[in-house]
């Protein structure tokens, strides 16, 4: 048998019923105990008063039971009295019974305790016995009326509990429906979203209350915004990658076709074609490796540790000067920052390569390392054509080029700055670009200071 799913509404109603049931049972037990104690205590007190009343009616040799019955609040059918007169020098022992008491004492009796007993056919009684110098008094007081009062109280409690439970269930259902409706609407909206195969996904409705569901819907929308942006970036990336791969492949296919049709008749084109095929295949290899590096960086996790930025940059610049001797280094000693050393090296080398490619031959490249209380910075300047302000934020996008016509003549995959941006995020750093006076651009890597 298939069980119904447990919803918040069911949980609320179930919890309410359990609470009411426990409260009702505890109330009944507590009320029963307190009422029983009070009623039995009152019955015992009444029995004691009856004994005292009997003593007062003992004005002669025998007790005046008629006078007691006339003044007693209890009737002969609910109270039974037995008085045994003790013998004296002038009188013998005698026993007196109130109306019906003699027959009562002959019934089968079950003693529940010293003060309470059960009489077959009569019910529950409280029993008191008291001896004086003249007589011994036995009093049996029926508790039937007391039990009826207790039963009435318990029935009243049960009726009130049932009524309050019924009303409570109705109110709890209404309240739970009102509480869970925002969640139900949100779930329905999410379900509708999952059936949409197109992007971007539309935002979810945000309820005005309760605050928790409102916050949940808001966070869902933030997540949807990020997923939509990521999906658009991936689509753009696939489109750009396809275009970048198509260009060298088309050129390679063109030269292969040229060799097939004219290679034998024109040997002079053979060397030229091989040289072009070698350069294009190398470009294709670099592009594929860059694409793989971008993909790996999206899943890469690094551990940030204190790194001596001054020593790291100095060593990298010294090694790079073997290829580009025109580099000027200004380095503040002892600059420390939290970073991943390997990925930071990749960022610096990528920016040096970018500065070299976009600067005139033999142009001076500058590297500056300094630290403040808030951050440690690495600045790499070039003497290129510069970057317009409206394009400074776009140059870190994949395959973006400032001047497509000019950039096509410069070797590269168009992924270098995108990789730098990825690695900066992994190092909890920022990378920005500003203008260099009088010519060129300055790329700045800002790292968190160590300690």
Protein backbone atom coordinates (compact mmCIF):
# COMPACT_ATOMS: atom_id res chain seq x y z
CA UNK A 1 0.00 0.00 0.00
CA UNK A 2 1.45 3.32 -1.06
CA UNK A 3 1.81 5.80 1.79
CA UNK A 4 0.92 9.44 1.32
CA UNK A 5 3.88 11.84 1.27
CA UNK A 6 4.49 13.76 4.47
CA UNK A 7 3.90 17.44 3.85
CA UNK A 8 4.47 20.38 6.18
CA UNK A 9 0.72 20.75 6.52
CA UNK A 10 0.37 17.13 7.64
CA UNK A 11 3.25 17.55 10.07
CA UNK A 12 1.66 20.66 11.59
CA UNK A 13 -1.75 18.97 12.02
CA UNK A 14 -0.15 15.78 13.36
CA UNK A 15 1.96 17.70 15.85
CA UNK A 16 -1.09 19.66 16.97
CA UNK A 17 -3.13 16.47 17.51
CA UNK A 18 -0.30 14.85 19.42
CA UNK A 19 0.05 17.94 21.61
CA UNK A 20 -3.71 18.09 22.28
CA UNK A 21 -3.82 14.35 23.07
CA UNK A 22 -0.93 14.57 25.51
CA UNK A 23 -2.38 17.73 27.09
CA UNK A 24 -5.82 16.14 27.44
CA UNK A 25 -4.47 12.94 29.00
CA UNK A 26 -2.30 14.90 31.43
CA UNK A 27 -5.25 17.18 32.28
CA UNK A 28 -7.49 14.20 32.94
CA UNK A 29 -4.90 12.50 35.11
CA UNK A 30 -4.13 15.66 37.03
CA UNK A 31 -7.80 16.58 37.44
CA UNK A 32 -8.69 13.05 38.48
CA UNK A 33 -5.96 12.99 41.06
CA UNK A 34 -6.71 16.41 42.51
CA UNK A 35 -10.49 15.97 42.49
CA UNK A 36 -10.25 12.49 43.98
CA UNK A 37 -7.98 13.71 46.74
CA UNK A 38 -10.26 16.66 47.52
CA UNK A 39 -13.49 14.67 47.39
CA UNK A 40 -12.16 11.76 49.40
CA UNK A 41 -10.69 14.20 51.90
CA UNK A 42 -14.08 15.92 52.22
CA UNK A 43 -15.77 12.55 52.65
CA UNK A 44 -13.33 11.57 55.38
CA UNK A 45 -13.90 14.90 57.11
CA UNK A 46 -17.66 14.37 56.88
CA UNK A 47 -17.29 10.92 58.44
CA UNK A 48 -15.25 12.38 61.31
CA UNK A 49 -17.87 15.06 61.89
CA UNK A 50 -20.56 12.40 61.97
CA UNK A 51 -18.69 10.56 64.72
CA UNK A 52 -18.40 13.81 66.71
CA UNK A 53 -22.08 14.45 66.15
CA UNK A 54 -22.90 10.98 67.48
CA UNK A 55 -20.87 11.64 70.60
CA UNK A 56 -22.85 14.79 71.25
CA UNK A 57 -26.16 12.90 70.99
CA UNK A 58 -24.98 10.41 73.63
CA UNK A 59 -26.74 12.26 76.46
CA UNK A 60 -28.08 9.27 78.36
CA UNK A 61 -27.14 5.68 78.60
CA UNK A 62 -27.97 5.13 74.92
CA UNK A 63 -27.27 7.34 71.91
CA UNK A 64 -30.04 9.35 70.35
CA UNK A 65 -29.70 8.18 66.73
CA UNK A 66 -33.01 9.72 65.78
CA UNK A 67 -31.71 13.12 66.77
CA UNK A 68 -28.50 12.50 64.79
CA UNK A 69 -30.45 11.47 61.67
CA UNK A 70 -32.63 14.56 61.95
CA UNK A 71 -29.59 16.86 62.13
CA UNK A 72 -27.31 14.96 59.72
CA UNK A 73 -26.89 16.16 56.15
CA UNK A 74 -26.49 12.57 54.98
CA UNK A 75 -29.45 10.23 54.44
CA UNK A 76 -29.93 6.74 55.89
CA UNK A 77 -29.44 5.23 52.45
CA UNK A 78 -25.95 6.69 52.04
CA UNK A 79 -24.64 6.60 55.61
CA UNK A 80 -24.58 3.64 57.95
CA UNK A 81 -23.81 3.82 61.68
CA UNK A 82 -23.05 1.12 64.20
CA UNK A 83 -22.52 1.98 67.88
CA UNK A 84 -21.35 -0.60 70.38
CA UNK A 85 -22.03 0.51 74.00
CA UNK A 86 -19.33 -0.63 76.37
CA UNK A 87 -20.47 -2.50 79.50
CA UNK A 88 -20.46 -0.76 82.89
CA UNK A 89 -21.03 -1.90 86.46
CA UNK A 90 -24.75 -1.28 86.07
CA UNK A 91 -25.32 -2.04 82.36
CA UNK A 92 -24.34 -4.71 79.92
CA UNK A 93 -22.85 -4.22 76.42
CA UNK A 94 -25.30 -3.17 73.75
CA UNK A 95 -25.15 -2.53 69.96
CA UNK A 96 -27.20 0.07 68.14
CA UNK A 97 -27.69 0.31 64.35
CA UNK A 98 -28.99 3.15 62.25
CA UNK A 99 -31.67 2.43 59.68
CA UNK A 100 -30.47 -0.36 57.36
CA UNK A 101 -27.07 -0.61 59.06
CA UNK A 102 -27.56 -4.12 60.43
CA UNK A 103 -28.35 -5.49 57.01
CA UNK A 104 -25.48 -3.45 55.55
CA UNK A 105 -22.91 -5.00 57.89
CA UNK A 106 -23.88 -8.45 56.69
CA UNK A 107 -22.89 -7.69 53.06
CA UNK A 108 -19.66 -8.94 51.48
CA UNK A 109 -16.95 -6.39 52.14
CA UNK A 110 -13.59 -5.90 50.30
CA UNK A 111 -11.18 -3.72 52.24
CA UNK A 112 -9.22 -1.52 49.87
CA UNK A 113 -7.38 0.22 52.69
CA UNK A 114 -7.90 1.03 56.35
CA UNK A 115 -10.32 3.84 55.45
CA UNK A 116 -11.86 2.68 52.16
CA UNK A 117 -13.80 -0.47 51.33
CA UNK A 118 -15.99 -1.92 48.60
CA UNK A 119 -19.37 -3.38 49.59
CA UNK A 120 -21.01 -5.74 47.15
CA UNK A 121 -24.23 -4.25 45.84
CA UNK A 122 -23.61 -0.92 47.59
CA UNK A 123 -20.43 0.48 46.08
CA UNK A 124 -17.47 2.36 47.51
CA UNK A 125 -17.53 3.62 51.13
CA UNK A 126 -15.26 5.55 53.43
CA UNK A 127 -15.03 3.92 56.85
CA UNK A 128 -14.26 5.58 60.19
CA UNK A 129 -14.00 3.99 63.61
CA UNK A 130 -13.53 5.83 66.89
CA UNK A 131 -13.57 4.53 70.47
CA UNK A 132 -14.50 6.55 73.58
CA UNK A 133 -14.94 5.63 77.23
CA UNK A 134 -18.61 4.95 76.60
CA UNK A 135 -18.80 3.38 73.18
CA UNK A 136 -17.12 2.42 69.90
CA UNK A 137 -18.47 4.26 66.82
CA UNK A 138 -18.47 2.77 63.30
CA UNK A 139 -19.45 5.01 60.38
CA UNK A 140 -19.73 4.02 56.70
CA UNK A 141 -20.19 6.94 54.31
CA UNK A 142 -21.11 6.17 50.69
CA UNK A 143 -18.87 7.71 47.99
CA UNK A 144 -21.32 7.17 45.13
CA UNK A 145 -22.24 10.83 45.01
CA UNK A 146 -18.58 11.77 45.12
CA UNK A 147 -17.80 9.43 42.22
CA UNK A 148 -20.71 10.83 40.24
CA UNK A 149 -19.39 14.35 40.75
CA UNK A 150 -15.93 13.23 39.68
CA UNK A 151 -17.36 11.50 36.60
CA UNK A 152 -19.31 14.63 35.69
CA UNK A 153 -16.14 16.70 35.91
CA UNK A 154 -14.20 14.23 33.74
CA UNK A 155 -16.97 14.08 31.14
CA UNK A 156 -17.04 17.88 31.04
CA UNK A 157 -13.28 17.95 30.52
CA UNK A 158 -13.55 15.37 27.72
CA UNK A 159 -16.33 17.30 26.01
CA UNK A 160 -14.41 20.56 26.26
CA UNK A 161 -11.27 18.81 24.95
CA UNK A 162 -13.14 17.29 22.01
CA UNK A 163 -14.75 20.62 21.19
CA UNK A 164 -11.48 22.53 21.43
CA UNK A 165 -9.69 19.83 19.41
CA UNK A 166 -12.30 20.00 16.65
CA UNK A 167 -12.13 23.77 16.50
CA UNK A 168 -8.33 23.58 16.71
CA UNK A 169 -8.13 21.18 13.77
CA UNK A 170 -10.19 23.55 11.64
CA UNK A 171 -8.06 26.55 12.63
CA UNK A 172 -4.79 24.62 12.26
CA UNK A 173 -5.83 23.47 8.78
CA UNK A 174 -6.58 27.04 7.77
CA UNK A 175 -3.36 28.32 9.35
CA UNK A 176 -1.19 25.52 7.91
CA UNK A 177 -2.66 26.11 4.46
CA UNK A 178 -1.84 29.80 4.79
CA UNK A 179 1.68 29.04 6.05
CA UNK A 180 2.50 26.43 3.40
CA UNK A 181 0.87 28.21 0.45
CA UNK A 182 3.98 30.33 -0.33
CA UNK A 183 6.10 27.15 -0.31
CA UNK A 184 3.54 25.34 -2.44
CA UNK A 185 3.47 28.21 -4.94
CA UNK A 186 7.27 28.31 -4.97
CA UNK A 187 7.46 24.55 -5.57
CA UNK A 188 4.97 24.84 -8.42
CA UNK A 189 7.02 27.64 -9.97
CA UNK A 190 10.24 25.59 -9.68
CA UNK A 191 8.47 22.58 -11.22
CA UNK A 192 7.31 24.73 -14.12
CA UNK A 193 10.86 26.01 -14.55
CA UNK A 194 12.28 22.49 -14.79
CA UNK A 195 9.95 21.77 -17.71
CA UNK A 196 11.42 24.66 -19.68
CA UNK A 197 14.28 23.58 -21.92
CA UNK A 198 15.19 27.05 -23.10
CA UNK A 199 17.39 29.58 -21.37
CA UNK A 200 17.35 31.93 -19.62
CA UNK A 201 15.05 30.75 -16.84
CA UNK A 202 12.47 33.28 -15.65
CA UNK A 203 12.65 34.52 -12.03
CA UNK A 204 10.51 32.83 -9.40
CA UNK A 205 7.67 34.75 -7.71
CA UNK A 206 8.70 36.28 -4.38
CA UNK A 207 5.96 36.17 -1.70
CA UNK A 208 5.50 39.08 0.68
CA UNK A 209 5.40 36.75 3.70
CA UNK A 210 6.65 34.84 5.55
CA UNK A 211 10.13 36.30 5.61
CA UNK A 212 11.84 32.88 5.48
CA UNK A 213 10.10 31.89 2.23
CA UNK A 214 10.71 35.36 0.83
CA UNK A 215 14.42 35.00 1.53
CA UNK A 216 14.41 31.50 0.03
CA UNK A 217 12.76 32.72 -3.18
CA UNK A 218 15.21 35.64 -3.37
CA UNK A 219 18.18 33.29 -3.03
CA UNK A 220 16.67 31.00 -5.65
CA UNK A 221 16.44 33.94 -8.04
CA UNK A 222 20.06 34.88 -7.32
CA UNK A 223 21.01 31.28 -8.11
CA UNK A 224 18.95 31.37 -11.32
CA UNK A 225 20.65 34.61 -12.34
CA UNK A 226 24.05 32.99 -11.85
CA UNK A 227 23.00 29.86 -13.74
CA UNK A 228 21.56 31.95 -16.58
CA UNK A 229 24.75 33.99 -16.79
CA UNK A 230 26.86 30.83 -16.68
CA UNK A 231 24.74 29.21 -19.40
CA UNK A 232 25.04 32.27 -21.62
CA UNK A 233 28.81 32.35 -21.06
CA UNK A 234 29.06 28.67 -21.94
CA UNK A 235 27.02 29.16 -25.09
CA UNK A 236 29.16 32.14 -26.07
CA UNK A 237 32.29 30.16 -25.23
CA UNK A 238 31.24 27.25 -27.45
CA UNK A 239 30.39 29.65 -30.26
CA UNK A 240 33.69 31.53 -29.94
CA UNK A 241 35.71 28.32 -29.61
CA UNK A 242 34.05 26.89 -32.71
CA UNK A 243 34.89 30.05 -34.63
CA UNK A 244 38.50 30.11 -33.43
CA UNK A 245 38.98 26.43 -34.26
CA UNK A 246 37.34 26.79 -37.64
CA UNK A 247 39.82 29.44 -38.82
CA UNK A 248 43.05 27.37 -38.61
CA UNK A 249 41.26 24.22 -39.70
CA UNK A 250 39.93 25.99 -42.81
CA UNK A 251 43.39 27.30 -43.63
CA UNK A 252 44.92 23.86 -43.11
CA UNK A 253 42.31 22.25 -45.33
CA UNK A 254 42.97 24.92 -47.99
CA UNK A 255 46.70 24.26 -48.11
CA UNK A 256 46.16 20.50 -48.10
CA UNK A 257 43.88 20.92 -51.11
CA UNK A 258 46.48 23.14 -52.75
CA UNK A 259 49.14 20.48 -52.29
CA UNK A 260 46.88 17.78 -53.62
CA UNK A 261 46.06 19.66 -56.82
CA UNK A 262 49.28 21.58 -57.56
CA UNK A 263 51.98 20.09 -55.37
CA UNK A 264 53.39 17.78 -58.05
CA UNK A 265 53.29 20.36 -60.84
CA UNK A 266 54.59 23.26 -58.71
CA UNK A 267 57.25 22.05 -56.25
CA UNK A 268 57.96 25.63 -55.16
CA UNK A 269 54.67 25.76 -53.20
CA UNK A 270 55.55 22.62 -51.25
CA UNK A 271 57.97 24.28 -48.78
CA UNK A 272 55.69 27.27 -48.33
CA UNK A 273 52.71 25.03 -47.65
CA UNK A 274 54.61 22.90 -45.14
CA UNK A 275 55.74 26.01 -43.29
CA UNK A 276 52.20 27.36 -43.14
CA UNK A 277 50.77 23.98 -42.07
CA UNK A 278 53.36 23.80 -39.30
CA UNK A 279 52.50 27.28 -37.98
CA UNK A 280 48.75 26.74 -38.18
CA UNK A 281 48.93 23.34 -36.49
CA UNK A 282 51.05 24.89 -33.75
CA UNK A 283 48.46 27.64 -33.35
CA UNK A 284 45.73 25.01 -33.22
CA UNK A 285 47.65 23.07 -30.57
CA UNK A 286 48.08 26.20 -28.44
CA UNK A 287 44.39 26.98 -28.78
CA UNK A 288 43.35 23.49 -27.69
CA UNK A 289 45.75 23.58 -24.74
CA UNK A 290 44.36 26.97 -23.69
CA UNK A 291 40.81 25.66 -23.93
CA UNK A 292 41.76 22.70 -21.76
CA UNK A 293 43.45 25.04 -19.28
CA UNK A 294 40.30 27.19 -19.06
CA UNK A 295 38.20 24.09 -18.42
CA UNK A 296 40.57 22.76 -15.76
CA UNK A 297 40.69 26.12 -13.99
CA UNK A 298 36.90 26.03 -13.53
CA UNK A 299 37.32 22.94 -11.34
CA UNK A 300 40.68 23.86 -9.86
CA UNK A 301 41.02 24.29 -6.10
CA UNK A 302 44.08 25.94 -4.56
CA UNK A 303 45.36 26.47 -1.03
CA UNK A 304 46.48 30.00 -0.23
CA UNK A 305 49.72 30.30 1.71
CA UNK A 306 52.05 33.19 2.56
CA UNK A 307 54.28 33.85 -0.47
CA UNK A 308 57.25 36.22 -0.74
CA UNK A 309 56.04 38.23 -3.72
CA UNK A 310 59.27 40.22 -3.97
CA UNK A 311 61.45 37.14 -4.41
CA UNK A 312 58.96 35.43 -6.75
CA UNK A 313 58.61 38.39 -9.14
CA UNK A 314 62.35 39.11 -9.09
CA UNK A 315 63.15 35.54 -10.14
CA UNK A 316 60.46 35.53 -12.86
CA UNK A 317 61.67 38.83 -14.31
CA UNK A 318 65.29 37.63 -14.34
CA UNK A 319 64.28 34.49 -16.24
CA UNK A 320 62.04 36.47 -18.63
CA UNK A 321 64.81 38.96 -19.40
CA UNK A 322 66.57 36.24 -21.35
CA UNK A 323 63.79 36.63 -23.96
CA UNK A 324 62.94 40.31 -23.42
CA UNK A 325 65.86 42.25 -21.96
CA UNK A 326 63.98 45.55 -21.92
CA UNK A 327 62.21 45.06 -18.57
CA UNK A 328 62.50 47.54 -15.71
CA UNK A 329 61.77 46.10 -12.23
CA UNK A 330 60.91 48.24 -9.21
CA UNK A 331 60.44 45.96 -6.24
CA UNK A 332 59.78 46.77 -2.59
CA UNK A 333 61.66 44.11 -0.57
CA UNK A 334 59.90 41.65 1.72
CA UNK A 335 56.38 41.98 0.26
CA UNK A 336 54.29 39.02 1.52
CA UNK A 337 50.83 37.96 0.33
CA UNK A 338 48.45 35.01 0.60
CA UNK A 339 48.45 33.20 -2.74
CA UNK A 340 49.01 29.95 -4.58
CA UNK A 341 52.55 30.26 -5.90
CA UNK A 342 52.09 28.17 -9.04
CA UNK A 343 48.93 29.91 -10.26
CA UNK A 344 50.42 33.33 -9.39
CA UNK A 345 53.42 32.53 -11.62
CA UNK A 346 51.03 31.72 -14.47
CA UNK A 347 49.26 35.06 -14.01
CA UNK A 348 52.49 37.10 -14.05
CA UNK A 349 53.92 35.27 -17.08
CA UNK A 350 50.63 35.63 -18.97
CA UNK A 351 50.59 39.39 -18.33
CA UNK A 352 54.27 39.69 -19.35
CA UNK A 353 53.52 37.81 -22.60
CA UNK A 354 50.52 40.06 -23.23
CA UNK A 355 52.60 43.21 -22.60
CA UNK A 356 55.36 41.97 -24.94
CA UNK A 357 52.97 41.05 -27.78
CA UNK A 358 51.11 44.35 -27.80
CA UNK A 359 54.15 46.62 -27.36
CA UNK A 360 56.49 47.74 -30.13
CA UNK A 361 59.68 45.74 -30.54
CA UNK A 362 62.37 46.76 -27.99
CA UNK A 363 59.79 48.80 -26.04
CA UNK A 364 60.38 49.11 -22.29
CA UNK A 365 58.17 46.95 -20.06
CA UNK A 366 57.79 47.92 -16.40
CA UNK A 367 57.12 45.71 -13.37
CA UNK A 368 56.37 47.26 -9.98
CA UNK A 369 55.88 45.40 -6.67
CA UNK A 370 54.71 47.19 -3.53
CA UNK A 371 52.61 46.64 -0.43
CA UNK A 372 50.21 48.60 1.76
CA UNK A 373 48.28 47.67 4.91
CA UNK A 374 45.32 46.62 2.77
CA UNK A 375 46.94 44.76 -0.13
CA UNK A 376 50.02 43.70 -2.02
CA UNK A 377 50.13 44.74 -5.69
CA UNK A 378 52.01 43.65 -8.80
CA UNK A 379 51.85 46.13 -11.70
CA UNK A 380 52.92 45.25 -15.26
CA UNK A 381 53.02 48.11 -17.77
CA UNK A 382 53.43 48.09 -21.54
CA UNK A 383 53.75 50.66 -24.32
CA UNK A 384 50.97 49.35 -26.53
CA UNK A 385 48.14 51.21 -28.18
CA UNK A 386 46.09 51.28 -24.98
CA UNK A 387 42.59 50.08 -24.25
CA UNK A 388 39.45 52.25 -24.53
CA UNK A 389 37.59 52.76 -21.27
CA UNK A 390 34.42 51.08 -22.53
CA UNK A 391 36.39 47.92 -23.32
CA UNK A 392 38.55 47.60 -20.22
CA UNK A 393 36.11 45.23 -18.48
CA UNK A 394 35.57 43.15 -21.63
CA UNK A 395 39.19 42.23 -22.30
CA UNK A 396 39.01 39.51 -19.62
CA UNK A 397 36.25 37.72 -21.55
CA UNK A 398 37.22 34.66 -23.56
CA UNK A 399 38.37 35.35 -27.14
CA UNK A 400 37.75 39.09 -26.79
CA UNK A 401 40.10 41.34 -28.76
CA UNK A 402 40.19 45.14 -28.60
CA UNK A 403 41.06 45.62 -32.26
CA UNK A 404 40.10 42.48 -34.15
CA UNK A 405 41.84 43.59 -37.36
CA UNK A 406 45.13 44.38 -35.65
CA UNK A 407 44.90 41.55 -33.09
CA UNK A 408 44.52 38.95 -35.82
CA UNK A 409 48.12 39.72 -36.85
CA UNK A 410 49.37 39.08 -33.31
CA UNK A 411 49.99 35.50 -32.27
CA UNK A 412 47.78 34.25 -29.50
CA UNK A 413 44.62 32.39 -28.65
CA UNK A 414 42.58 35.21 -27.12
CA UNK A 415 42.35 33.27 -23.83
CA UNK A 416 45.36 34.62 -21.93
CA UNK A 417 43.57 37.37 -20.00
CA UNK A 418 40.55 35.11 -19.41
CA UNK A 419 42.88 32.59 -17.74
CA UNK A 420 44.44 35.39 -15.68
CA UNK A 421 40.96 36.43 -14.49
CA UNK A 422 40.14 32.82 -13.53
CA UNK A 423 43.35 32.43 -11.54
CA UNK A 424 42.81 35.79 -9.81
CA UNK A 425 39.45 34.57 -8.51
CA UNK A 426 41.07 31.37 -7.22
CA UNK A 427 43.66 33.45 -5.35
CA UNK A 428 40.98 35.77 -3.92
CA UNK A 429 42.67 38.58 -5.81
CA UNK A 430 41.60 41.19 -8.34
CA UNK A 431 43.13 42.12 -11.69
CA UNK A 432 42.42 45.52 -13.25
CA UNK A 433 43.72 47.59 -16.16
CA UNK A 434 44.41 51.33 -16.26
CA UNK A 435 45.95 53.72 -18.75
CA UNK A 436 49.69 54.36 -18.70
CA UNK A 437 50.91 57.85 -19.34
CA UNK A 438 51.88 58.77 -21.99
CA UNK A 439 51.22 55.49 -23.82
CA UNK A 440 50.16 51.94 -23.05
CA UNK A 441 48.34 50.13 -20.29
CA UNK A 442 49.05 48.93 -16.73
CA UNK A 443 47.67 45.63 -15.42
CA UNK A 444 47.47 45.45 -11.62
CA UNK A 445 47.14 42.26 -9.56
CA UNK A 446 45.94 43.07 -6.01
CA UNK A 447 46.52 40.28 -3.44
CA UNK A 448 45.56 39.91 0.20
CA UNK A 449 48.53 40.66 2.49
CA UNK A 450 49.87 37.75 4.53
CA UNK A 451 49.19 37.82 8.28
